[in-house]
Amino acid sequence: MFSCFVDFQKAFDKVNYWKLFSKLLDDGVDDKIVRILALWYNNQVCFVRWKDVVSSGFRMGNGTRLGVLSPYLFSRYIRDLLHDVVNSGVGCLLAISV
């Protein structure tokens, strides 16, 4: 059994768009789809609502948007990290004899 624990509590907020788009292109994702994602992410404006008050808009520089596509994008973003951890040779092997 191999297990690794990583705290991904704020991880979706830390994704660098341009690194993600580069990884998608490296995977052979159609460049038109990547351009649409880049346009979508680069032009998003966010607001903060506190009770009945809404802030003025501001741009986000990192993070994946919430939705159906986010888990796929995030898993692609960390795939290389997971691969490196699995192949690091660090850890222990538990052998159970019955």
PDB file of N, CA and C in Angstrom:
ATOM      1  N   MET A   1       0.845  -1.159   0.000  1.00  0.00           N
ATOM      2  CA  MET A   1       0.000   0.000   0.000  1.00  0.00           C
ATOM      3  C   MET A   1       0.894   1.227   0.000  1.00  0.00           C
ATOM      4  N   PHE A   2       0.544   2.192  -0.803  1.00  0.00           N
ATOM      5  CA  PHE A   2       1.277   3.449  -0.867  1.00  0.00           C
ATOM      6  C   PHE A   2       0.306   4.562  -0.509  1.00  0.00           C
ATOM      7  N   SER A   3       0.695   5.394   0.413  1.00  0.00           N
ATOM      8  CA  SER A   3      -0.175   6.535   0.719  1.00  0.00           C
ATOM      9  C   SER A   3       0.664   7.776   0.905  1.00  0.00           C
ATOM     10  N   CYS A   4       0.095   8.858   0.513  1.00  0.00           N
ATOM     11  CA  CYS A   4       0.743  10.156   0.626  1.00  0.00           C
ATOM     12  C   CYS A   4      -0.332  11.153   1.015  1.00  0.00           C
ATOM     13  N   PHE A   5      -0.026  11.990   1.957  1.00  0.00           N
ATOM     14  CA  PHE A   5      -0.998  12.964   2.414  1.00  0.00           C
ATOM     15  C   PHE A   5      -0.498  14.365   2.101  1.00  0.00           C
ATOM     16  N   VAL A   6      -1.314  15.111   1.413  1.00  0.00           N
ATOM     17  CA  VAL A   6      -0.992  16.489   1.071  1.00  0.00           C
ATOM     18  C   VAL A   6      -2.209  17.331   1.406  1.00  0.00           C
ATOM     19  N   ASP A   7      -1.983  18.471   2.007  1.00  0.00           N
ATOM     20  CA  ASP A   7      -3.084  19.372   2.351  1.00  0.00           C
ATOM     21  C   ASP A   7      -3.417  20.226   1.134  1.00  0.00           C
ATOM     22  N   PHE A   8      -4.512  19.885   0.454  1.00  0.00           N
ATOM     23  CA  PHE A   8      -4.933  20.625  -0.730  1.00  0.00           C
ATOM     24  C   PHE A   8      -6.050  21.612  -0.412  1.00  0.00           C
ATOM     25  N   GLN A   9      -6.165  22.021   0.838  1.00  0.00           N
ATOM     26  CA  GLN A   9      -7.273  22.884   1.253  1.00  0.00           C
ATOM     27  C   GLN A   9      -7.380  24.142   0.393  1.00  0.00           C
ATOM     28  N   LYS A  10      -6.282  24.786   0.121  1.00  0.00           N
ATOM     29  CA  LYS A  10      -6.299  26.015  -0.673  1.00  0.00           C
ATOM     30  C   LYS A  10      -5.661  25.819  -2.047  1.00  0.00           C
ATOM     31  N   ALA A  11      -5.414  24.574  -2.419  1.00  0.00           N
ATOM     32  CA  ALA A  11      -4.649  24.290  -3.626  1.00  0.00           C
ATOM     33  C   ALA A  11      -5.309  24.802  -4.903  1.00  0.00           C
ATOM     34  N   PHE A  12      -6.634  24.691  -5.009  1.00  0.00           N
ATOM     35  CA  PHE A  12      -7.306  25.161  -6.220  1.00  0.00           C
ATOM     36  C   PHE A  12      -7.073  26.652  -6.419  1.00  0.00           C
ATOM     37  N   ASP A  13      -6.882  27.388  -5.319  1.00  0.00           N
ATOM     38  CA  ASP A  13      -6.660  28.834  -5.401  1.00  0.00           C
ATOM     39  C   ASP A  13      -5.257  29.182  -5.855  1.00  0.00           C
ATOM     40  N   LYS A  14      -4.340  28.241  -5.836  1.00  0.00           N
ATOM     41  CA  LYS A  14      -2.933  28.515  -6.126  1.00  0.00           C
ATOM     42  C   LYS A  14      -2.503  28.122  -7.532  1.00  0.00           C
ATOM     43  N   VAL A  15      -3.381  27.536  -8.296  1.00  0.00           N
ATOM     44  CA  VAL A  15      -3.024  27.082  -9.644  1.00  0.00           C
ATOM     45  C   VAL A  15      -2.645  28.268 -10.520  1.00  0.00           C
ATOM     46  N   ASN A  16      -1.462  28.181 -11.129  1.00  0.00           N
ATOM     47  CA  ASN A  16      -1.005  29.218 -12.059  1.00  0.00           C
ATOM     48  C   ASN A  16      -1.601  28.908 -13.432  1.00  0.00           C
ATOM     49  N   TYR A  17      -2.430  29.825 -13.940  1.00  0.00           N
ATOM     50  CA  TYR A  17      -3.124  29.597 -15.213  1.00  0.00           C
ATOM     51  C   TYR A  17      -2.180  29.220 -16.345  1.00  0.00           C
ATOM     52  N   TRP A  18      -1.125  29.986 -16.502  1.00  0.00           N
ATOM     53  CA  TRP A  18      -0.278  29.845 -17.685  1.00  0.00           C
ATOM     54  C   TRP A  18       0.497  28.542 -17.644  1.00  0.00           C
ATOM     55  N   LYS A  19       0.894  28.084 -16.467  1.00  0.00           N
ATOM     56  CA  LYS A  19       1.529  26.764 -16.356  1.00  0.00           C
ATOM     57  C   LYS A  19       0.515  25.675 -16.696  1.00  0.00           C
ATOM     58  N   LEU A  20      -0.716  25.844 -16.220  1.00  0.00           N
ATOM     59  CA  LEU A  20      -1.766  24.879 -16.518  1.00  0.00           C
ATOM     60  C   LEU A  20      -2.024  24.803 -18.018  1.00  0.00           C
ATOM     61  N   PHE A  21      -2.153  25.944 -18.672  1.00  0.00           N
ATOM     62  CA  PHE A  21      -2.426  25.953 -20.113  1.00  0.00           C
ATOM     63  C   PHE A  21      -1.274  25.317 -20.883  1.00  0.00           C
ATOM     64  N   SER A  22      -0.052  25.562 -20.440  1.00  0.00           N
ATOM     65  CA  SER A  22       1.110  24.950 -21.085  1.00  0.00           C
ATOM     66  C   SER A  22       1.060  23.431 -20.955  1.00  0.00           C
ATOM     67  N   LYS A  23       0.677  22.931 -19.784  1.00  0.00           N
ATOM     68  CA  LYS A  23       0.576  21.490 -19.572  1.00  0.00           C
ATOM     69  C   LYS A  23      -0.528  20.883 -20.449  1.00  0.00           C
ATOM     70  N   LEU A  24      -1.627  21.603 -20.598  1.00  0.00           N
ATOM     71  CA  LEU A  24      -2.704  21.113 -21.455  1.00  0.00           C
ATOM     72  C   LEU A  24      -2.243  21.019 -22.905  1.00  0.00           C
ATOM     73  N   LEU A  25      -1.507  22.025 -23.365  1.00  0.00           N
ATOM     74  CA  LEU A  25      -0.976  21.988 -24.730  1.00  0.00           C
ATOM     75  C   LEU A  25       0.010  20.831 -24.891  1.00  0.00           C
ATOM     76  N   ASP A  26       0.850  20.605 -23.867  1.00  0.00           N
ATOM     77  CA  ASP A  26       1.798  19.489 -23.913  1.00  0.00           C
ATOM     78  C   ASP A  26       1.079  18.144 -24.012  1.00  0.00           C
ATOM     79  N   ASP A  27      -0.123  18.061 -23.436  1.00  0.00           N
ATOM     80  CA  ASP A  27      -0.922  16.832 -23.484  1.00  0.00           C
ATOM     81  C   ASP A  27      -1.655  16.663 -24.809  1.00  0.00           C
ATOM     82  N   GLY A  28      -1.552  17.649 -25.679  1.00  0.00           N
ATOM     83  CA  GLY A  28      -2.210  17.552 -26.976  1.00  0.00           C
ATOM     84  C   GLY A  28      -3.641  18.052 -26.989  1.00  0.00           C
ATOM     85  N   VAL A  29      -4.050  18.786 -25.946  1.00  0.00           N
ATOM     86  CA  VAL A  29      -5.388  19.383 -25.953  1.00  0.00           C
ATOM     87  C   VAL A  29      -5.423  20.413 -27.074  1.00  0.00           C
ATOM     88  N   ASP A  30      -6.486  20.410 -27.837  1.00  0.00           N
ATOM     89  CA  ASP A  30      -6.640  21.321 -28.971  1.00  0.00           C
ATOM     90  C   ASP A  30      -6.363  22.759 -28.535  1.00  0.00           C
ATOM     91  N   ASP A  31      -5.513  23.452 -29.294  1.00  0.00           N
ATOM     92  CA  ASP A  31      -5.130  24.820 -28.921  1.00  0.00           C
ATOM     93  C   ASP A  31      -6.318  25.779 -28.904  1.00  0.00           C
ATOM     94  N   LYS A  32      -7.364  25.475 -29.669  1.00  0.00           N
ATOM     95  CA  LYS A  32      -8.558  26.334 -29.630  1.00  0.00           C
ATOM     96  C   LYS A  32      -9.236  26.244 -28.265  1.00  0.00           C
ATOM     97  N   ILE A  33      -9.278  25.049 -27.693  1.00  0.00           N
ATOM     98  CA  ILE A  33      -9.873  24.870 -26.366  1.00  0.00           C
ATOM     99  C   ILE A  33      -9.033  25.586 -25.316  1.00  0.00           C
ATOM    100  N   VAL A  34      -7.709  25.451 -25.437  1.00  0.00           N
ATOM    101  CA  VAL A  34      -6.825  26.121 -24.480  1.00  0.00           C
ATOM    102  C   VAL A  34      -6.963  27.635 -24.597  1.00  0.00           C
ATOM    103  N   ARG A  35      -7.111  28.135 -25.815  1.00  0.00           N
ATOM    104  CA  ARG A  35      -7.300  29.593 -25.996  1.00  0.00           C
ATOM    105  C   ARG A  35      -8.607  30.063 -25.386  1.00  0.00           C
ATOM    106  N   ILE A  36      -9.652  29.269 -25.519  1.00  0.00           N
ATOM    107  CA  ILE A  36     -10.942  29.626 -24.902  1.00  0.00           C
ATOM    108  C   ILE A  36     -10.798  29.665 -23.385  1.00  0.00           C
ATOM    109  N   LEU A  37     -10.138  28.650 -22.816  1.00  0.00           N
ATOM    110  CA  LEU A  37      -9.907  28.639 -21.365  1.00  0.00           C
ATOM    111  C   LEU A  37      -9.074  29.846 -20.939  1.00  0.00           C
ATOM    112  N   ALA A  38      -8.033  30.163 -21.713  1.00  0.00           N
ATOM    113  CA  ALA A  38      -7.178  31.306 -21.387  1.00  0.00           C
ATOM    114  C   ALA A  38      -7.985  32.606 -21.424  1.00  0.00           C
ATOM    115  N   LEU A  39      -8.826  32.753 -22.415  1.00  0.00           N
ATOM    116  CA  LEU A  39      -9.673  33.945 -22.512  1.00  0.00           C
ATOM    117  C   LEU A  39     -10.627  34.013 -21.326  1.00  0.00           C
ATOM    118  N   TRP A  40     -11.227  32.899 -21.006  1.00  0.00           N
ATOM    119  CA  TRP A  40     -12.180  32.812 -19.906  1.00  0.00           C
ATOM    120  C   TRP A  40     -11.507  33.155 -18.580  1.00  0.00           C
ATOM    121  N   TYR A  41     -10.358  32.522 -18.318  1.00  0.00           N
ATOM    122  CA  TYR A  41      -9.664  32.750 -17.049  1.00  0.00           C
ATOM    123  C   TYR A  41      -9.039  34.136 -16.967  1.00  0.00           C
ATOM    124  N   ASN A  42      -8.472  34.609 -18.047  1.00  0.00           N
ATOM    125  CA  ASN A  42      -7.771  35.893 -18.035  1.00  0.00           C
ATOM    126  C   ASN A  42      -8.721  37.084 -17.914  1.00  0.00           C
ATOM    127  N   ASN A  43      -9.977  36.913 -18.288  1.00  0.00           N
ATOM    128  CA  ASN A  43     -10.921  38.033 -18.264  1.00  0.00           C
ATOM    129  C   ASN A  43     -11.965  37.943 -17.157  1.00  0.00           C
ATOM    130  N   GLN A  44     -11.764  37.040 -16.214  1.00  0.00           N
ATOM    131  CA  GLN A  44     -12.746  36.929 -15.141  1.00  0.00           C
ATOM    132  C   GLN A  44     -12.599  38.085 -14.151  1.00  0.00           C
ATOM    133  N   VAL A  45     -13.717  38.567 -13.694  1.00  0.00           N
ATOM    134  CA  VAL A  45     -13.754  39.626 -12.685  1.00  0.00           C
ATOM    135  C   VAL A  45     -14.520  39.073 -11.488  1.00  0.00           C
ATOM    136  N   CYS A  46     -13.964  39.265 -10.303  1.00  0.00           N
ATOM    137  CA  CYS A  46     -14.566  38.724  -9.088  1.00  0.00           C
ATOM    138  C   CYS A  46     -15.064  39.850  -8.189  1.00  0.00           C
ATOM    139  N   PHE A  47     -16.023  39.503  -7.367  1.00  0.00           N
ATOM    140  CA  PHE A  47     -16.602  40.440  -6.413  1.00  0.00           C
ATOM    141  C   PHE A  47     -16.710  39.740  -5.065  1.00  0.00           C
ATOM    142  N   VAL A  48     -16.651  40.527  -4.010  1.00  0.00           N
ATOM    143  CA  VAL A  48     -16.860  39.992  -2.671  1.00  0.00           C
ATOM    144  C   VAL A  48     -18.161  40.565  -2.142  1.00  0.00           C
ATOM    145  N   ARG A  49     -19.003  39.681  -1.637  1.00  0.00           N
ATOM    146  CA  ARG A  49     -20.261  40.121  -1.039  1.00  0.00           C
ATOM    147  C   ARG A  49     -20.181  39.889   0.456  1.00  0.00           C
ATOM    148  N   TRP A  50     -20.438  40.914   1.223  1.00  0.00           N
ATOM    149  CA  TRP A  50     -20.484  40.811   2.680  1.00  0.00           C
ATOM    150  C   TRP A  50     -21.818  41.379   3.122  1.00  0.00           C
ATOM    151  N   LYS A  51     -22.694  40.499   3.562  1.00  0.00           N
ATOM    152  CA  LYS A  51     -24.067  40.847   3.905  1.00  0.00           C
ATOM    153  C   LYS A  51     -24.727  41.486   2.691  1.00  0.00           C
ATOM    154  N   ASP A  52     -25.092  42.768   2.747  1.00  0.00           N
ATOM    155  CA  ASP A  52     -25.756  43.417   1.607  1.00  0.00           C
ATOM    156  C   ASP A  52     -24.823  44.316   0.811  1.00  0.00           C
ATOM    157  N   VAL A  53     -23.528  44.246   1.080  1.00  0.00           N
ATOM    158  CA  VAL A  53     -22.558  45.120   0.408  1.00  0.00           C
ATOM    159  C   VAL A  53     -21.725  44.286  -0.565  1.00  0.00           C
ATOM    160  N   VAL A  54     -21.538  44.816  -1.778  1.00  0.00           N
ATOM    161  CA  VAL A  54     -20.741  44.141  -2.798  1.00  0.00           C
ATOM    162  C   VAL A  54     -19.556  45.028  -3.144  1.00  0.00           C
ATOM    163  N   SER A  55     -18.368  44.427  -3.171  1.00  0.00           N
ATOM    164  CA  SER A  55     -17.154  45.178  -3.493  1.00  0.00           C
ATOM    165  C   SER A  55     -17.123  45.548  -4.965  1.00  0.00           C
ATOM    166  N   SER A  56     -16.180  46.393  -5.307  1.00  0.00           N
ATOM    167  CA  SER A  56     -15.942  46.652  -6.728  1.00  0.00           C
ATOM    168  C   SER A  56     -15.212  45.430  -7.297  1.00  0.00           C
ATOM    169  N   GLY A  57     -15.242  45.270  -8.590  1.00  0.00           N
ATOM    170  CA  GLY A  57     -14.650  44.103  -9.230  1.00  0.00           C
ATOM    171  C   GLY A  57     -13.135  44.123  -9.198  1.00  0.00           C
ATOM    172  N   PHE A  58     -12.549  42.934  -9.156  1.00  0.00           N
ATOM    173  CA  PHE A  58     -11.092  42.805  -9.214  1.00  0.00           C
ATOM    174  C   PHE A  58     -10.756  41.537  -9.982  1.00  0.00           C
ATOM    175  N   ARG A  59      -9.568  41.505 -10.539  1.00  0.00           N
ATOM    176  CA  ARG A  59      -9.132  40.362 -11.348  1.00  0.00           C
ATOM    177  C   ARG A  59      -8.417  39.328 -10.476  1.00  0.00           C
ATOM    178  N   MET A  60      -8.562  38.079 -10.867  1.00  0.00           N
ATOM    179  CA  MET A  60      -7.870  36.979 -10.197  1.00  0.00           C
ATOM    180  C   MET A  60      -6.672  36.586 -11.055  1.00  0.00           C
ATOM    181  N   GLY A  61      -5.566  36.264 -10.411  1.00  0.00           N
ATOM    182  CA  GLY A  61      -4.373  35.881 -11.153  1.00  0.00           C
ATOM    183  C   GLY A  61      -4.071  34.396 -11.103  1.00  0.00           C
ATOM    184  N   ASN A  62      -4.664  33.696 -10.163  1.00  0.00           N
ATOM    185  CA  ASN A  62      -4.434  32.259  -9.985  1.00  0.00           C
ATOM    186  C   ASN A  62      -5.740  31.589  -9.615  1.00  0.00           C
ATOM    187  N   GLY A  63      -5.711  30.271  -9.645  1.00  0.00           N
ATOM    188  CA  GLY A  63      -6.859  29.506  -9.178  1.00  0.00           C
ATOM    189  C   GLY A  63      -7.682  28.923 -10.303  1.00  0.00           C
ATOM    190  N   THR A  64      -8.389  27.845  -9.986  1.00  0.00           N
ATOM    191  CA  THR A  64      -9.316  27.269 -10.953  1.00  0.00           C
ATOM    192  C   THR A  64     -10.725  27.647 -10.537  1.00  0.00           C
ATOM    193  N   ARG A  65     -11.546  27.903 -11.504  1.00  0.00           N
ATOM    194  CA  ARG A  65     -12.938  28.248 -11.221  1.00  0.00           C
ATOM    195  C   ARG A  65     -13.655  27.006 -10.720  1.00  0.00           C
ATOM    196  N   LEU A  66     -14.648  27.218  -9.894  1.00  0.00           N
ATOM    197  CA  LEU A  66     -15.436  26.094  -9.420  1.00  0.00           C
ATOM    198  C   LEU A  66     -16.334  25.594 -10.537  1.00  0.00           C
ATOM    199  N   GLY A  67     -16.515  24.300 -10.599  1.00  0.00           N
ATOM    200  CA  GLY A  67     -17.377  23.735 -11.621  1.00  0.00           C
ATOM    201  C   GLY A  67     -16.919  22.352 -12.027  1.00  0.00           C
ATOM    202  N   VAL A  68     -17.538  21.843 -13.042  1.00  0.00           N
ATOM    203  CA  VAL A  68     -17.300  20.478 -13.497  1.00  0.00           C
ATOM    204  C   VAL A  68     -15.879  20.294 -14.016  1.00  0.00           C
ATOM    205  N   LEU A  69     -15.315  21.291 -14.636  1.00  0.00           N
ATOM    206  CA  LEU A  69     -13.995  21.190 -15.253  1.00  0.00           C
ATOM    207  C   LEU A  69     -12.849  21.309 -14.246  1.00  0.00           C
ATOM    208  N   SER A  70     -13.081  21.938 -13.101  1.00  0.00           N
ATOM    209  CA  SER A  70     -12.012  22.204 -12.130  1.00  0.00           C
ATOM    210  C   SER A  70     -11.253  20.968 -11.664  1.00  0.00           C
ATOM    211  N   PRO A  71     -11.926  19.874 -11.279  1.00  0.00           N
ATOM    212  CA  PRO A  71     -11.159  18.699 -10.850  1.00  0.00           C
ATOM    213  C   PRO A  71     -10.225  18.163 -11.939  1.00  0.00           C
ATOM    214  N   TYR A  72     -10.684  18.160 -13.181  1.00  0.00           N
ATOM    215  CA  TYR A  72      -9.823  17.706 -14.275  1.00  0.00           C
ATOM    216  C   TYR A  72      -8.620  18.628 -14.414  1.00  0.00           C
ATOM    217  N   LEU A  73      -8.856  19.936 -14.437  1.00  0.00           N
ATOM    218  CA  LEU A  73      -7.759  20.891 -14.607  1.00  0.00           C
ATOM    219  C   LEU A  73      -6.765  20.785 -13.452  1.00  0.00           C
ATOM    220  N   PHE A  74      -7.271  20.662 -12.240  1.00  0.00           N
ATOM    221  CA  PHE A  74      -6.380  20.567 -11.090  1.00  0.00           C
ATOM    222  C   PHE A  74      -5.585  19.268 -11.110  1.00  0.00           C
ATOM    223  N   SER A  75      -6.234  18.168 -11.451  1.00  0.00           N
ATOM    224  CA  SER A  75      -5.506  16.891 -11.496  1.00  0.00           C
ATOM    225  C   SER A  75      -4.423  16.926 -12.566  1.00  0.00           C
ATOM    226  N   ARG A  76      -4.693  17.602 -13.683  1.00  0.00           N
ATOM    227  CA  ARG A  76      -3.659  17.746 -14.712  1.00  0.00           C
ATOM    228  C   ARG A  76      -2.525  18.618 -14.206  1.00  0.00           C
ATOM    229  N   TYR A  77      -2.863  19.640 -13.451  1.00  0.00           N
ATOM    230  CA  TYR A  77      -1.854  20.566 -12.931  1.00  0.00           C
ATOM    231  C   TYR A  77      -0.879  19.856 -11.990  1.00  0.00           C
ATOM    232  N   ILE A  78      -1.370  18.907 -11.187  1.00  0.00           N
ATOM    233  CA  ILE A  78      -0.493  18.241 -10.212  1.00  0.00           C
ATOM    234  C   ILE A  78      -0.004  16.867 -10.672  1.00  0.00           C
ATOM    235  N   ARG A  79      -0.338  16.458 -11.871  1.00  0.00           N
ATOM    236  CA  ARG A  79       0.047  15.121 -12.347  1.00  0.00           C
ATOM    237  C   ARG A  79       1.550  14.890 -12.256  1.00  0.00           C
ATOM    238  N   ASP A  80       2.350  15.847 -12.650  1.00  0.00           N
ATOM    239  CA  ASP A  80       3.802  15.682 -12.617  1.00  0.00           C
ATOM    240  C   ASP A  80       4.300  15.521 -11.182  1.00  0.00           C
ATOM    241  N   LEU A  81       3.718  16.273 -10.258  1.00  0.00           N
ATOM    242  CA  LEU A  81       4.075  16.144  -8.847  1.00  0.00           C
ATOM    243  C   LEU A  81       3.758  14.742  -8.337  1.00  0.00           C
ATOM    244  N   LEU A  82       2.568  14.249  -8.635  1.00  0.00           N
ATOM    245  CA  LEU A  82       2.181  12.906  -8.203  1.00  0.00           C
ATOM    246  C   LEU A  82       3.103  11.848  -8.792  1.00  0.00           C
ATOM    247  N   HIS A  83       3.450  12.009 -10.050  1.00  0.00           N
ATOM    248  CA  HIS A  83       4.362  11.082 -10.713  1.00  0.00           C
ATOM    249  C   HIS A  83       5.718  11.090 -10.003  1.00  0.00           C
ATOM    250  N   ASP A  84       6.232  12.271  -9.667  1.00  0.00           N
ATOM    251  CA  ASP A  84       7.522  12.369  -8.988  1.00  0.00           C
ATOM    252  C   ASP A  84       7.482  11.729  -7.600  1.00  0.00           C
ATOM    253  N   VAL A  85       6.385  11.908  -6.877  1.00  0.00           N
ATOM    254  CA  VAL A  85       6.265  11.305  -5.544  1.00  0.00           C
ATOM    255  C   VAL A  85       6.246   9.789  -5.646  1.00  0.00           C
ATOM    256  N   VAL A  86       5.452   9.261  -6.566  1.00  0.00           N
ATOM    257  CA  VAL A  86       5.345   7.806  -6.721  1.00  0.00           C
ATOM    258  C   VAL A  86       6.692   7.204  -7.105  1.00  0.00           C
ATOM    259  N   ASN A  87       7.439   7.880  -7.960  1.00  0.00           N
ATOM    260  CA  ASN A  87       8.709   7.342  -8.453  1.00  0.00           C
ATOM    261  C   ASN A  87       9.927   7.782  -7.641  1.00  0.00           C
ATOM    262  N   SER A  88       9.719   8.428  -6.512  1.00  0.00           N
ATOM    263  CA  SER A  88      10.846   8.948  -5.722  1.00  0.00           C
ATOM    264  C   SER A  88      11.623   7.851  -4.993  1.00  0.00           C
ATOM    265  N   GLY A  89      10.982   6.716  -4.756  1.00  0.00           N
ATOM    266  CA  GLY A  89      11.650   5.664  -4.005  1.00  0.00           C
ATOM    267  C   GLY A  89      11.669   5.925  -2.512  1.00  0.00           C
ATOM    268  N   VAL A  90      10.998   6.950  -2.073  1.00  0.00           N
ATOM    269  CA  VAL A  90      10.943   7.301  -0.660  1.00  0.00           C
ATOM    270  C   VAL A  90       9.695   6.644  -0.065  1.00  0.00           C
ATOM    271  N   GLY A  91       9.822   6.141   1.129  1.00  0.00           N
ATOM    272  CA  GLY A  91       8.684   5.532   1.791  1.00  0.00           C
ATOM    273  C   GLY A  91       9.058   4.175   2.326  1.00  0.00           C
ATOM    274  N   CYS A  92       8.092   3.419   2.713  1.00  0.00           N
ATOM    275  CA  CYS A  92       8.368   2.084   3.242  1.00  0.00           C
ATOM    276  C   CYS A  92       7.379   1.095   2.659  1.00  0.00           C
ATOM    277  N   LEU A  93       7.732  -0.151   2.741  1.00  0.00           N
ATOM    278  CA  LEU A  93       6.892  -1.219   2.239  1.00  0.00           C
ATOM    279  C   LEU A  93       6.451  -2.060   3.438  1.00  0.00           C
ATOM    280  N   LEU A  94       5.180  -2.226   3.610  1.00  0.00           N
ATOM    281  CA  LEU A  94       4.650  -3.057   4.682  1.00  0.00           C
ATOM    282  C   LEU A  94       4.294  -4.419   4.109  1.00  0.00           C
ATOM    283  N   ALA A  95       4.918  -5.445   4.636  1.00  0.00           N
ATOM    284  CA  ALA A  95       4.625  -6.808   4.189  1.00  0.00           C
ATOM    285  C   ALA A  95       3.839  -7.498   5.292  1.00  0.00           C
ATOM    286  N   ILE A  96       2.723  -8.071   4.926  1.00  0.00           N
ATOM    287  CA  ILE A  96       1.868  -8.765   5.890  1.00  0.00           C
ATOM    288  C   ILE A  96       1.839 -10.240   5.491  1.00  0.00           C
ATOM    289  N   SER A  97       2.179 -11.076   6.442  1.00  0.00           N
ATOM    290  CA  SER A  97       2.111 -12.513   6.164  1.00  0.00           C
ATOM    291  C   SER A  97       0.910 -13.089   6.893  1.00  0.00           C
ATOM    292  N   VAL A  98       0.235 -13.979   6.214  1.00  0.00           N
ATOM    293  CA  VAL A  98      -0.976 -14.588   6.792  1.00  0.00           C
ATOM    294  C   VAL A  98      -0.701 -16.025   7.133  1.00  0.00           C
TER     295      VAL A  98
END
